[in-house]
Amino acid sequence: MSTMKFCCECNNILYPKENKEQKTLLFACRNCEHQEISNDNCVYRNEVLHSVGERTQVLQDVAADPTLPRTKTIRCTKCNHPEVVFFQAAARGEEGMTLFFVCCNPDCGHRWRD
């Protein structure tokens, strides 16, 4: 398995870089001029793919986040629970910020926006 490499001069991460003239793989620092030849010719790339269910679960977990603001002046539009969490985020395809609400009832978890 590949491990991350760090610059011996400034301790920043080294990134793979191709030397087209010598046809070799290098690891280069983006902050200083340090470069070193790679021992391995493979470069690994990790891609994180989320399913629709995983993204939904993230929003349901928002209700348990103690750092988000809560209010008891707004009730859940689905189960009428008296406490909701709210936060602002950019909505897809819209300019500006949108206010999102998540019900704190663990059996509900309903989400809506203002």
PDB file of N, CA and C in Angstrom:
ATOM      1  N   MET A   1       0.840  -1.188   0.000  1.00  0.00           N
ATOM      2  CA  MET A   1       0.000   0.000   0.000  1.00  0.00           C
ATOM      3  C   MET A   1       0.878   1.243   0.000  1.00  0.00           C
ATOM      4  N   SER A   2       0.429   2.247  -0.665  1.00  0.00           N
ATOM      5  CA  SER A   2       1.164   3.492  -0.788  1.00  0.00           C
ATOM      6  C   SER A   2       1.048   4.307   0.498  1.00  0.00           C
ATOM      7  N   THR A   3       2.135   4.999   0.843  1.00  0.00           N
ATOM      8  CA  THR A   3       2.107   5.882   2.004  1.00  0.00           C
ATOM      9  C   THR A   3       2.343   7.310   1.535  1.00  0.00           C
ATOM     10  N   MET A   4       1.925   8.252   2.328  1.00  0.00           N
ATOM     11  CA  MET A   4       2.140   9.649   1.996  1.00  0.00           C
ATOM     12  C   MET A   4       3.595   9.998   2.239  1.00  0.00           C
ATOM     13  N   LYS A   5       4.123  10.859   1.382  1.00  0.00           N
ATOM     14  CA  LYS A   5       5.503  11.306   1.528  1.00  0.00           C
ATOM     15  C   LYS A   5       5.505  12.780   1.881  1.00  0.00           C
ATOM     16  N   PHE A   6       6.505  13.164   2.691  1.00  0.00           N
ATOM     17  CA  PHE A   6       6.596  14.547   3.134  1.00  0.00           C
ATOM     18  C   PHE A   6       7.968  15.111   2.789  1.00  0.00           C
ATOM     19  N   CYS A   7       7.994  16.395   2.533  1.00  0.00           N
ATOM     20  CA  CYS A   7       9.203  17.107   2.161  1.00  0.00           C
ATOM     21  C   CYS A   7      10.196  17.107   3.322  1.00  0.00           C
ATOM     22  N   CYS A   8      11.456  16.788   3.033  1.00  0.00           N
ATOM     23  CA  CYS A   8      12.483  16.774   4.082  1.00  0.00           C
ATOM     24  C   CYS A   8      12.960  18.184   4.439  1.00  0.00           C
ATOM     25  N   GLU A   9      12.585  19.177   3.615  1.00  0.00           N
ATOM     26  CA  GLU A   9      12.995  20.554   3.888  1.00  0.00           C
ATOM     27  C   GLU A   9      11.943  21.360   4.651  1.00  0.00           C
ATOM     28  N   CYS A  10      10.655  21.209   4.262  1.00  0.00           N
ATOM     29  CA  CYS A  10       9.619  22.044   4.885  1.00  0.00           C
ATOM     30  C   CYS A  10       8.448  21.245   5.478  1.00  0.00           C
ATOM     31  N   ASN A  11       8.511  19.912   5.418  1.00  0.00           N
ATOM     32  CA  ASN A  11       7.513  19.007   6.006  1.00  0.00           C
ATOM     33  C   ASN A  11       6.126  19.088   5.376  1.00  0.00           C
ATOM     34  N   ASN A  12       5.998  19.678   4.196  1.00  0.00           N
ATOM     35  CA  ASN A  12       4.717  19.664   3.494  1.00  0.00           C
ATOM     36  C   ASN A  12       4.609  18.397   2.671  1.00  0.00           C
ATOM     37  N   ILE A  13       3.400  18.063   2.265  1.00  0.00           N
ATOM     38  CA  ILE A  13       3.165  16.839   1.519  1.00  0.00           C
ATOM     39  C   ILE A  13       3.805  16.921   0.138  1.00  0.00           C
ATOM     40  N   LEU A  14       4.326  15.782  -0.342  1.00  0.00           N
ATOM     41  CA  LEU A  14       4.887  15.690  -1.682  1.00  0.00           C
ATOM     42  C   LEU A  14       3.839  15.116  -2.621  1.00  0.00           C
ATOM     43  N   TYR A  15       3.728  15.702  -3.791  1.00  0.00           N
ATOM     44  CA  TYR A  15       2.740  15.289  -4.781  1.00  0.00           C
ATOM     45  C   TYR A  15       3.435  14.624  -5.963  1.00  0.00           C
ATOM     46  N   PRO A  16       2.781  13.631  -6.596  1.00  0.00           N
ATOM     47  CA  PRO A  16       3.392  12.996  -7.761  1.00  0.00           C
ATOM     48  C   PRO A  16       3.530  13.992  -8.914  1.00  0.00           C
ATOM     49  N   LYS A  17       4.644  13.863  -9.633  1.00  0.00           N
ATOM     50  CA  LYS A  17       4.917  14.752 -10.756  1.00  0.00           C
ATOM     51  C   LYS A  17       5.679  13.952 -11.809  1.00  0.00           C
ATOM     52  N   GLU A  18       5.318  14.131 -13.047  1.00  0.00           N
ATOM     53  CA  GLU A  18       5.959  13.411 -14.135  1.00  0.00           C
ATOM     54  C   GLU A  18       7.114  14.234 -14.692  1.00  0.00           C
ATOM     55  N   ASN A  19       8.267  13.581 -14.873  1.00  0.00           N
ATOM     56  CA  ASN A  19       9.377  14.191 -15.586  1.00  0.00           C
ATOM     57  C   ASN A  19       9.331  13.628 -17.004  1.00  0.00           C
ATOM     58  N   LYS A  20       8.773  14.394 -17.937  1.00  0.00           N
ATOM     59  CA  LYS A  20       8.544  13.909 -19.300  1.00  0.00           C
ATOM     60  C   LYS A  20       9.838  13.679 -20.066  1.00  0.00           C
ATOM     61  N   GLU A  21      10.879  14.453 -19.776  1.00  0.00           N
ATOM     62  CA  GLU A  21      12.143  14.303 -20.494  1.00  0.00           C
ATOM     63  C   GLU A  21      12.832  12.987 -20.139  1.00  0.00           C
ATOM     64  N   GLN A  22      12.877  12.681 -18.840  1.00  0.00           N
ATOM     65  CA  GLN A  22      13.552  11.459 -18.386  1.00  0.00           C
ATOM     66  C   GLN A  22      12.583  10.282 -18.232  1.00  0.00           C
ATOM     67  N   LYS A  23      11.287  10.545 -18.426  1.00  0.00           N
ATOM     68  CA  LYS A  23      10.238   9.525 -18.305  1.00  0.00           C
ATOM     69  C   LYS A  23      10.310   8.820 -16.948  1.00  0.00           C
ATOM     70  N   THR A  24      10.307   9.639 -15.895  1.00  0.00           N
ATOM     71  CA  THR A  24      10.327   9.110 -14.532  1.00  0.00           C
ATOM     72  C   THR A  24       9.236   9.779 -13.711  1.00  0.00           C
ATOM     73  N   LEU A  25       8.908   9.124 -12.621  1.00  0.00           N
ATOM     74  CA  LEU A  25       7.930   9.666 -11.686  1.00  0.00           C
ATOM     75  C   LEU A  25       8.675  10.285 -10.514  1.00  0.00           C
ATOM     76  N   LEU A  26       8.328  11.528 -10.206  1.00  0.00           N
ATOM     77  CA  LEU A  26       8.938  12.246  -9.095  1.00  0.00           C
ATOM     78  C   LEU A  26       7.887  12.565  -8.054  1.00  0.00           C
ATOM     79  N   PHE A  27       8.339  12.857  -6.853  1.00  0.00           N
ATOM     80  CA  PHE A  27       7.479  13.455  -5.843  1.00  0.00           C
ATOM     81  C   PHE A  27       8.032  14.839  -5.600  1.00  0.00           C
ATOM     82  N   ALA A  28       7.182  15.858  -5.746  1.00  0.00           N
ATOM     83  CA  ALA A  28       7.630  17.246  -5.656  1.00  0.00           C
ATOM     84  C   ALA A  28       6.832  17.999  -4.606  1.00  0.00           C
ATOM     85  N   CYS A  29       7.519  18.910  -3.943  1.00  0.00           N
ATOM     86  CA  CYS A  29       6.890  19.788  -2.963  1.00  0.00           C
ATOM     87  C   CYS A  29       6.340  21.005  -3.690  1.00  0.00           C
ATOM     88  N   ARG A  30       5.150  21.424  -3.336  1.00  0.00           N
ATOM     89  CA  ARG A  30       4.539  22.595  -3.960  1.00  0.00           C
ATOM     90  C   ARG A  30       4.919  23.896  -3.258  1.00  0.00           C
ATOM     91  N   ASN A  31       5.638  23.794  -2.144  1.00  0.00           N
ATOM     92  CA  ASN A  31       6.009  24.987  -1.384  1.00  0.00           C
ATOM     93  C   ASN A  31       7.474  25.370  -1.552  1.00  0.00           C
ATOM     94  N   CYS A  32       8.327  24.388  -1.778  1.00  0.00           N
ATOM     95  CA  CYS A  32       9.736  24.676  -2.018  1.00  0.00           C
ATOM     96  C   CYS A  32      10.153  23.915  -3.275  1.00  0.00           C
ATOM     97  N   GLU A  33      11.390  23.908  -3.601  1.00  0.00           N
ATOM     98  CA  GLU A  33      11.862  23.291  -4.847  1.00  0.00           C
ATOM     99  C   GLU A  33      12.260  21.823  -4.693  1.00  0.00           C
ATOM    100  N   HIS A  34      12.023  21.235  -3.528  1.00  0.00           N
ATOM    101  CA  HIS A  34      12.450  19.863  -3.274  1.00  0.00           C
ATOM    102  C   HIS A  34      11.697  18.870  -4.161  1.00  0.00           C
ATOM    103  N   GLN A  35      12.463  17.938  -4.760  1.00  0.00           N
ATOM    104  CA  GLN A  35      11.908  16.842  -5.550  1.00  0.00           C
ATOM    105  C   GLN A  35      12.711  15.587  -5.260  1.00  0.00           C
ATOM    106  N   GLU A  36      12.054  14.435  -5.341  1.00  0.00           N
ATOM    107  CA  GLU A  36      12.768  13.175  -5.188  1.00  0.00           C
ATOM    108  C   GLU A  36      12.161  12.146  -6.123  1.00  0.00           C
ATOM    109  N   ILE A  37      13.004  11.227  -6.573  1.00  0.00           N
ATOM    110  CA  ILE A  37      12.552  10.180  -7.496  1.00  0.00           C
ATOM    111  C   ILE A  37      11.740   9.157  -6.717  1.00  0.00           C
ATOM    112  N   SER A  38      10.656   8.711  -7.328  1.00  0.00           N
ATOM    113  CA  SER A  38       9.783   7.736  -6.681  1.00  0.00           C
ATOM    114  C   SER A  38      10.394   6.343  -6.757  1.00  0.00           C
ATOM    115  N   ASN A  39      10.208   5.553  -5.698  1.00  0.00           N
ATOM    116  CA  ASN A  39      10.661   4.163  -5.689  1.00  0.00           C
ATOM    117  C   ASN A  39       9.685   3.261  -6.424  1.00  0.00           C
ATOM    118  N   ASP A  40       8.455   3.715  -6.568  1.00  0.00           N
ATOM    119  CA  ASP A  40       7.381   2.930  -7.174  1.00  0.00           C
ATOM    120  C   ASP A  40       6.804   3.731  -8.338  1.00  0.00           C
ATOM    121  N   ASN A  41       6.451   3.064  -9.401  1.00  0.00           N
ATOM    122  CA  ASN A  41       5.895   3.761 -10.565  1.00  0.00           C
ATOM    123  C   ASN A  41       4.373   3.849 -10.541  1.00  0.00           C
ATOM    124  N   CYS A  42       3.760   3.443  -9.448  1.00  0.00           N
ATOM    125  CA  CYS A  42       2.302   3.491  -9.338  1.00  0.00           C
ATOM    126  C   CYS A  42       1.889   4.719  -8.533  1.00  0.00           C
ATOM    127  N   VAL A  43       0.833   5.352  -8.996  1.00  0.00           N
ATOM    128  CA  VAL A  43       0.237   6.466  -8.265  1.00  0.00           C
ATOM    129  C   VAL A  43      -1.177   6.037  -7.919  1.00  0.00           C
ATOM    130  N   TYR A  44      -1.545   6.146  -6.666  1.00  0.00           N
ATOM    131  CA  TYR A  44      -2.869   5.739  -6.214  1.00  0.00           C
ATOM    132  C   TYR A  44      -3.744   6.962  -6.025  1.00  0.00           C
ATOM    133  N   ARG A  45      -5.012   6.821  -6.394  1.00  0.00           N
ATOM    134  CA  ARG A  45      -5.962   7.909  -6.214  1.00  0.00           C
ATOM    135  C   ARG A  45      -7.189   7.348  -5.511  1.00  0.00           C
ATOM    136  N   ASN A  46      -7.564   7.952  -4.408  1.00  0.00           N
ATOM    137  CA  ASN A  46      -8.744   7.522  -3.663  1.00  0.00           C
ATOM    138  C   ASN A  46      -9.934   8.361  -4.079  1.00  0.00           C
ATOM    139  N   GLU A  47     -11.013   7.707  -4.427  1.00  0.00           N
ATOM    140  CA  GLU A  47     -12.252   8.394  -4.756  1.00  0.00           C
ATOM    141  C   GLU A  47     -13.308   7.980  -3.761  1.00  0.00           C
ATOM    142  N   VAL A  48     -13.970   8.961  -3.175  1.00  0.00           N
ATOM    143  CA  VAL A  48     -15.035   8.685  -2.221  1.00  0.00           C
ATOM    144  C   VAL A  48     -16.357   8.822  -2.970  1.00  0.00           C
ATOM    145  N   LEU A  49     -17.087   7.740  -3.024  1.00  0.00           N
ATOM    146  CA  LEU A  49     -18.382   7.743  -3.680  1.00  0.00           C
ATOM    147  C   LEU A  49     -19.458   7.551  -2.628  1.00  0.00           C
ATOM    148  N   HIS A  50     -20.442   8.419  -2.631  1.00  0.00           N
ATOM    149  CA  HIS A  50     -21.524   8.340  -1.656  1.00  0.00           C
ATOM    150  C   HIS A  50     -22.796   7.869  -2.342  1.00  0.00           C
ATOM    151  N   SER A  51     -23.501   7.012  -1.651  1.00  0.00           N
ATOM    152  CA  SER A  51     -24.816   6.639  -2.150  1.00  0.00           C
ATOM    153  C   SER A  51     -25.823   7.661  -1.640  1.00  0.00           C
ATOM    154  N   VAL A  52     -26.986   7.673  -2.217  1.00  0.00           N
ATOM    155  CA  VAL A  52     -28.022   8.623  -1.818  1.00  0.00           C
ATOM    156  C   VAL A  52     -28.374   8.437  -0.348  1.00  0.00           C
ATOM    157  N   GLY A  53     -28.423   7.204   0.124  1.00  0.00           N
ATOM    158  CA  GLY A  53     -28.755   6.924   1.512  1.00  0.00           C
ATOM    159  C   GLY A  53     -27.736   7.476   2.488  1.00  0.00           C
ATOM    160  N   GLU A  54     -26.451   7.435   2.118  1.00  0.00           N
ATOM    161  CA  GLU A  54     -25.418   7.965   3.002  1.00  0.00           C
ATOM    162  C   GLU A  54     -25.553   9.466   3.159  1.00  0.00           C
ATOM    163  N   ARG A  55     -25.852  10.173   2.092  1.00  0.00           N
ATOM    164  CA  ARG A  55     -26.023  11.619   2.173  1.00  0.00           C
ATOM    165  C   ARG A  55     -27.242  11.975   3.007  1.00  0.00           C
ATOM    166  N   THR A  56     -28.300  11.196   2.898  1.00  0.00           N
ATOM    167  CA  THR A  56     -29.492  11.437   3.707  1.00  0.00           C
ATOM    168  C   THR A  56     -29.171  11.227   5.178  1.00  0.00           C
ATOM    169  N   GLN A  57     -28.392  10.211   5.486  1.00  0.00           N
ATOM    170  CA  GLN A  57     -28.036   9.922   6.877  1.00  0.00           C
ATOM    171  C   GLN A  57     -27.245  11.072   7.483  1.00  0.00           C
ATOM    172  N   VAL A  58     -26.399  11.705   6.699  1.00  0.00           N
ATOM    173  CA  VAL A  58     -25.629  12.839   7.204  1.00  0.00           C
ATOM    174  C   VAL A  58     -26.568  13.939   7.673  1.00  0.00           C
ATOM    175  N   LEU A  59     -27.613  14.229   6.907  1.00  0.00           N
ATOM    176  CA  LEU A  59     -28.562  15.259   7.304  1.00  0.00           C
ATOM    177  C   LEU A  59     -29.351  14.853   8.540  1.00  0.00           C
ATOM    178  N   GLN A  60     -29.661  13.581   8.693  1.00  0.00           N
ATOM    179  CA  GLN A  60     -30.388  13.145   9.882  1.00  0.00           C
ATOM    180  C   GLN A  60     -29.510  13.256  11.122  1.00  0.00           C
ATOM    181  N   ASP A  61     -28.208  13.053  10.977  1.00  0.00           N
ATOM    182  CA  ASP A  61     -27.293  13.172  12.108  1.00  0.00           C
ATOM    183  C   ASP A  61     -27.122  14.623  12.548  1.00  0.00           C
ATOM    184  N   VAL A  62     -27.521  15.555  11.729  1.00  0.00           N
ATOM    185  CA  VAL A  62     -27.413  16.973  12.061  1.00  0.00           C
ATOM    186  C   VAL A  62     -28.194  17.288  13.332  1.00  0.00           C
ATOM    187  N   ALA A  63     -29.292  16.626  13.550  1.00  0.00           N
ATOM    188  CA  ALA A  63     -30.129  16.896  14.725  1.00  0.00           C
ATOM    189  C   ALA A  63     -29.383  16.600  16.030  1.00  0.00           C
ATOM    190  N   ALA A  64     -28.391  15.722  16.001  1.00  0.00           N
ATOM    191  CA  ALA A  64     -27.638  15.374  17.203  1.00  0.00           C
ATOM    192  C   ALA A  64     -26.394  16.240  17.387  1.00  0.00           C
ATOM    193  N   ASP A  65     -26.131  17.144  16.460  1.00  0.00           N
ATOM    194  CA  ASP A  65     -24.937  17.988  16.530  1.00  0.00           C
ATOM    195  C   ASP A  65     -25.127  19.074  17.591  1.00  0.00           C
ATOM    196  N   PRO A  66     -24.341  19.039  18.673  1.00  0.00           N
ATOM    197  CA  PRO A  66     -24.533  20.027  19.754  1.00  0.00           C
ATOM    198  C   PRO A  66     -24.048  21.432  19.395  1.00  0.00           C
ATOM    199  N   THR A  67     -23.307  21.569  18.299  1.00  0.00           N
ATOM    200  CA  THR A  67     -22.785  22.888  17.928  1.00  0.00           C
ATOM    201  C   THR A  67     -23.761  23.696  17.086  1.00  0.00           C
ATOM    202  N   LEU A  68     -24.800  23.059  16.570  1.00  0.00           N
ATOM    203  CA  LEU A  68     -25.771  23.782  15.738  1.00  0.00           C
ATOM    204  C   LEU A  68     -26.841  24.446  16.597  1.00  0.00           C
ATOM    205  N   PRO A  69     -27.360  25.576  16.136  1.00  0.00           N
ATOM    206  CA  PRO A  69     -28.411  26.257  16.900  1.00  0.00           C
ATOM    207  C   PRO A  69     -29.724  25.475  16.861  1.00  0.00           C
ATOM    208  N   ARG A  70     -30.455  25.554  17.946  1.00  0.00           N
ATOM    209  CA  ARG A  70     -31.762  24.897  18.070  1.00  0.00           C
ATOM    210  C   ARG A  70     -32.799  25.946  18.421  1.00  0.00           C
ATOM    211  N   THR A  71     -34.020  25.645  18.070  1.00  0.00           N
ATOM    212  CA  THR A  71     -35.103  26.553  18.442  1.00  0.00           C
ATOM    213  C   THR A  71     -36.328  25.744  18.845  1.00  0.00           C
ATOM    214  N   LYS A  72     -37.089  26.317  19.779  1.00  0.00           N
ATOM    215  CA  LYS A  72     -38.363  25.718  20.188  1.00  0.00           C
ATOM    216  C   LYS A  72     -39.525  26.591  19.743  1.00  0.00           C
ATOM    217  N   THR A  73     -39.219  27.604  18.932  1.00  0.00           N
ATOM    218  CA  THR A  73     -40.290  28.473  18.418  1.00  0.00           C
ATOM    219  C   THR A  73     -40.841  27.975  17.091  1.00  0.00           C
ATOM    220  N   ILE A  74     -40.156  27.013  16.478  1.00  0.00           N
ATOM    221  CA  ILE A  74     -40.624  26.422  15.215  1.00  0.00           C
ATOM    222  C   ILE A  74     -40.874  24.947  15.466  1.00  0.00           C
ATOM    223  N   ARG A  75     -42.013  24.466  15.016  1.00  0.00           N
ATOM    224  CA  ARG A  75     -42.359  23.054  15.171  1.00  0.00           C
ATOM    225  C   ARG A  75     -42.138  22.316  13.860  1.00  0.00           C
ATOM    226  N   CYS A  76     -41.863  21.017  13.976  1.00  0.00           N
ATOM    227  CA  CYS A  76     -41.694  20.179  12.791  1.00  0.00           C
ATOM    228  C   CYS A  76     -42.985  20.176  11.990  1.00  0.00           C
ATOM    229  N   THR A  77     -42.867  20.346  10.693  1.00  0.00           N
ATOM    230  CA  THR A  77     -44.052  20.386   9.825  1.00  0.00           C
ATOM    231  C   THR A  77     -44.643  18.999   9.589  1.00  0.00           C
ATOM    232  N   LYS A  78     -43.932  17.959   9.967  1.00  0.00           N
ATOM    233  CA  LYS A  78     -44.427  16.598   9.748  1.00  0.00           C
ATOM    234  C   LYS A  78     -45.000  15.966  11.020  1.00  0.00           C
ATOM    235  N   CYS A  79     -44.238  16.040  12.155  1.00  0.00           N
ATOM    236  CA  CYS A  79     -44.678  15.361  13.381  1.00  0.00           C
ATOM    237  C   CYS A  79     -45.049  16.333  14.499  1.00  0.00           C
ATOM    238  N   ASN A  80     -44.888  17.621  14.271  1.00  0.00           N
ATOM    239  CA  ASN A  80     -45.230  18.663  15.236  1.00  0.00           C
ATOM    240  C   ASN A  80     -44.331  18.651  16.482  1.00  0.00           C
ATOM    241  N   HIS A  81     -43.124  18.056  16.369  1.00  0.00           N
ATOM    242  CA  HIS A  81     -42.166  18.049  17.486  1.00  0.00           C
ATOM    243  C   HIS A  81     -41.748  19.491  17.776  1.00  0.00           C
ATOM    244  N   PRO A  82     -41.596  19.858  19.060  1.00  0.00           N
ATOM    245  CA  PRO A  82     -41.377  21.270  19.405  1.00  0.00           C
ATOM    246  C   PRO A  82     -39.934  21.767  19.282  1.00  0.00           C
ATOM    247  N   GLU A  83     -38.995  20.937  18.830  1.00  0.00           N
ATOM    248  CA  GLU A  83     -37.601  21.389  18.741  1.00  0.00           C
ATOM    249  C   GLU A  83     -37.003  21.019  17.385  1.00  0.00           C
ATOM    250  N   VAL A  84     -36.341  22.001  16.759  1.00  0.00           N
ATOM    251  CA  VAL A  84     -35.675  21.761  15.480  1.00  0.00           C
ATOM    252  C   VAL A  84     -34.279  22.387  15.504  1.00  0.00           C
ATOM    253  N   VAL A  85     -33.401  21.829  14.689  1.00  0.00           N
ATOM    254  CA  VAL A  85     -32.063  22.371  14.463  1.00  0.00           C
ATOM    255  C   VAL A  85     -32.119  23.111  13.139  1.00  0.00           C
ATOM    256  N   PHE A  86     -31.380  24.209  13.030  1.00  0.00           N
ATOM    257  CA  PHE A  86     -31.370  24.927  11.755  1.00  0.00           C
ATOM    258  C   PHE A  86     -29.958  25.358  11.396  1.00  0.00           C
ATOM    259  N   PHE A  87     -29.713  25.493  10.091  1.00  0.00           N
ATOM    260  CA  PHE A  87     -28.414  25.933   9.590  1.00  0.00           C
ATOM    261  C   PHE A  87     -28.607  26.528   8.209  1.00  0.00           C
ATOM    262  N   GLN A  88     -27.625  27.308   7.777  1.00  0.00           N
ATOM    263  CA  GLN A  88     -27.669  27.919   6.458  1.00  0.00           C
ATOM    264  C   GLN A  88     -26.681  27.217   5.546  1.00  0.00           C
ATOM    265  N   ALA A  89     -27.076  27.035   4.301  1.00  0.00           N
ATOM    266  CA  ALA A  89     -26.191  26.444   3.298  1.00  0.00           C
ATOM    267  C   ALA A  89     -26.668  26.899   1.929  1.00  0.00           C
ATOM    268  N   ALA A  90     -25.791  26.765   0.965  1.00  0.00           N
ATOM    269  CA  ALA A  90     -26.156  27.103  -0.410  1.00  0.00           C
ATOM    270  C   ALA A  90     -26.984  25.955  -0.983  1.00  0.00           C
ATOM    271  N   ALA A  91     -28.124  26.275  -1.552  1.00  0.00           N
ATOM    272  CA  ALA A  91     -28.971  25.254  -2.168  1.00  0.00           C
ATOM    273  C   ALA A  91     -28.554  25.084  -3.622  1.00  0.00           C
ATOM    274  N   ARG A  92     -28.711  23.883  -4.142  1.00  0.00           N
ATOM    275  CA  ARG A  92     -28.332  23.607  -5.525  1.00  0.00           C
ATOM    276  C   ARG A  92     -29.121  24.471  -6.492  1.00  0.00           C
ATOM    277  N   GLY A  93     -28.405  25.089  -7.406  1.00  0.00           N
ATOM    278  CA  GLY A  93     -29.051  25.862  -8.451  1.00  0.00           C
ATOM    279  C   GLY A  93     -29.599  27.208  -8.014  1.00  0.00           C
ATOM    280  N   GLU A  94     -29.307  27.620  -6.793  1.00  0.00           N
ATOM    281  CA  GLU A  94     -29.820  28.896  -6.297  1.00  0.00           C
ATOM    282  C   GLU A  94     -28.670  29.777  -5.851  1.00  0.00           C
ATOM    283  N   GLU A  95     -28.875  31.077  -5.985  1.00  0.00           N
ATOM    284  CA  GLU A  95     -27.884  32.013  -5.470  1.00  0.00           C
ATOM    285  C   GLU A  95     -28.214  32.318  -4.013  1.00  0.00           C
ATOM    286  N   GLY A  96     -27.203  32.688  -3.257  1.00  0.00           N
ATOM    287  CA  GLY A  96     -27.426  33.036  -1.862  1.00  0.00           C
ATOM    288  C   GLY A  96     -27.545  31.806  -0.978  1.00  0.00           C
ATOM    289  N   MET A  97     -27.896  32.062   0.261  1.00  0.00           N
ATOM    290  CA  MET A  97     -27.988  31.008   1.264  1.00  0.00           C
ATOM    291  C   MET A  97     -29.442  30.659   1.549  1.00  0.00           C
ATOM    292  N   THR A  98     -29.671  29.410   1.902  1.00  0.00           N
ATOM    293  CA  THR A  98     -31.004  28.923   2.238  1.00  0.00           C
ATOM    294  C   THR A  98     -30.980  28.424   3.675  1.00  0.00           C
ATOM    295  N   LEU A  99     -32.054  28.664   4.409  1.00  0.00           N
ATOM    296  CA  LEU A  99     -32.167  28.212   5.787  1.00  0.00           C
ATOM    297  C   LEU A  99     -32.804  26.822   5.796  1.00  0.00           C
ATOM    298  N   PHE A 100     -32.076  25.848   6.344  1.00  0.00           N
ATOM    299  CA  PHE A 100     -32.548  24.470   6.426  1.00  0.00           C
ATOM    300  C   PHE A 100     -32.932  24.149   7.861  1.00  0.00           C
ATOM    301  N   PHE A 101     -33.976  23.335   8.025  1.00  0.00           N
ATOM    302  CA  PHE A 101     -34.439  22.888   9.339  1.00  0.00           C
ATOM    303  C   PHE A 101     -34.444  21.369   9.366  1.00  0.00           C
ATOM    304  N   VAL A 102     -34.093  20.797  10.532  1.00  0.00           N
ATOM    305  CA  VAL A 102     -34.125  19.351  10.732  1.00  0.00           C
ATOM    306  C   VAL A 102     -34.804  19.092  12.064  1.00  0.00           C
ATOM    307  N   CYS A 103     -35.803  18.215  12.056  1.00  0.00           N
ATOM    308  CA  CYS A 103     -36.541  17.867  13.269  1.00  0.00           C
ATOM    309  C   CYS A 103     -35.631  17.105  14.230  1.00  0.00           C
ATOM    310  N   CYS A 104     -35.706  17.431  15.514  1.00  0.00           N
ATOM    311  CA  CYS A 104     -34.887  16.776  16.540  1.00  0.00           C
ATOM    312  C   CYS A 104     -35.506  15.482  17.059  1.00  0.00           C
ATOM    313  N   ASN A 105     -36.702  15.165  16.634  1.00  0.00           N
ATOM    314  CA  ASN A 105     -37.334  13.910  17.027  1.00  0.00           C
ATOM    315  C   ASN A 105     -36.602  12.765  16.324  1.00  0.00           C
ATOM    316  N   PRO A 106     -35.956  11.836  17.081  1.00  0.00           N
ATOM    317  CA  PRO A 106     -35.189  10.760  16.439  1.00  0.00           C
ATOM    318  C   PRO A 106     -36.045   9.826  15.588  1.00  0.00           C
ATOM    319  N   ASP A 107     -37.343   9.753  15.850  1.00  0.00           N
ATOM    320  CA  ASP A 107     -38.220   8.898  15.051  1.00  0.00           C
ATOM    321  C   ASP A 107     -38.675   9.585  13.768  1.00  0.00           C
ATOM    322  N   CYS A 108     -38.446  10.886  13.664  1.00  0.00           N
ATOM    323  CA  CYS A 108     -38.919  11.644  12.504  1.00  0.00           C
ATOM    324  C   CYS A 108     -37.757  12.027  11.585  1.00  0.00           C
ATOM    325  N   GLY A 109     -36.912  12.961  12.025  1.00  0.00           N
ATOM    326  CA  GLY A 109     -35.772  13.401  11.224  1.00  0.00           C
ATOM    327  C   GLY A 109     -36.155  14.159   9.969  1.00  0.00           C
ATOM    328  N   HIS A 110     -37.369  14.693   9.931  1.00  0.00           N
ATOM    329  CA  HIS A 110     -37.850  15.418   8.747  1.00  0.00           C
ATOM    330  C   HIS A 110     -36.978  16.637   8.469  1.00  0.00           C
ATOM    331  N   ARG A 111     -36.732  16.904   7.178  1.00  0.00           N
ATOM    332  CA  ARG A 111     -35.920  18.047   6.763  1.00  0.00           C
ATOM    333  C   ARG A 111     -36.745  18.925   5.837  1.00  0.00           C
ATOM    334  N   TRP A 112     -36.619  20.236   6.001  1.00  0.00           N
ATOM    335  CA  TRP A 112     -37.268  21.166   5.099  1.00  0.00           C
ATOM    336  C   TRP A 112     -36.468  22.447   5.072  1.00  0.00           C
ATOM    337  N   ARG A 113     -36.791  23.297   4.127  1.00  0.00           N
ATOM    338  CA  ARG A 113     -36.078  24.577   4.028  1.00  0.00           C
ATOM    339  C   ARG A 113     -37.042  25.733   3.951  1.00  0.00           C
ATOM    340  N   ASP A 114     -36.541  26.889   4.336  1.00  0.00           N
ATOM    341  CA  ASP A 114     -37.357  28.084   4.376  1.00  0.00           C
ATOM    342  C   ASP A 114     -37.209  28.845   3.078  1.00  0.00           C
TER     343      ASP A 114
END
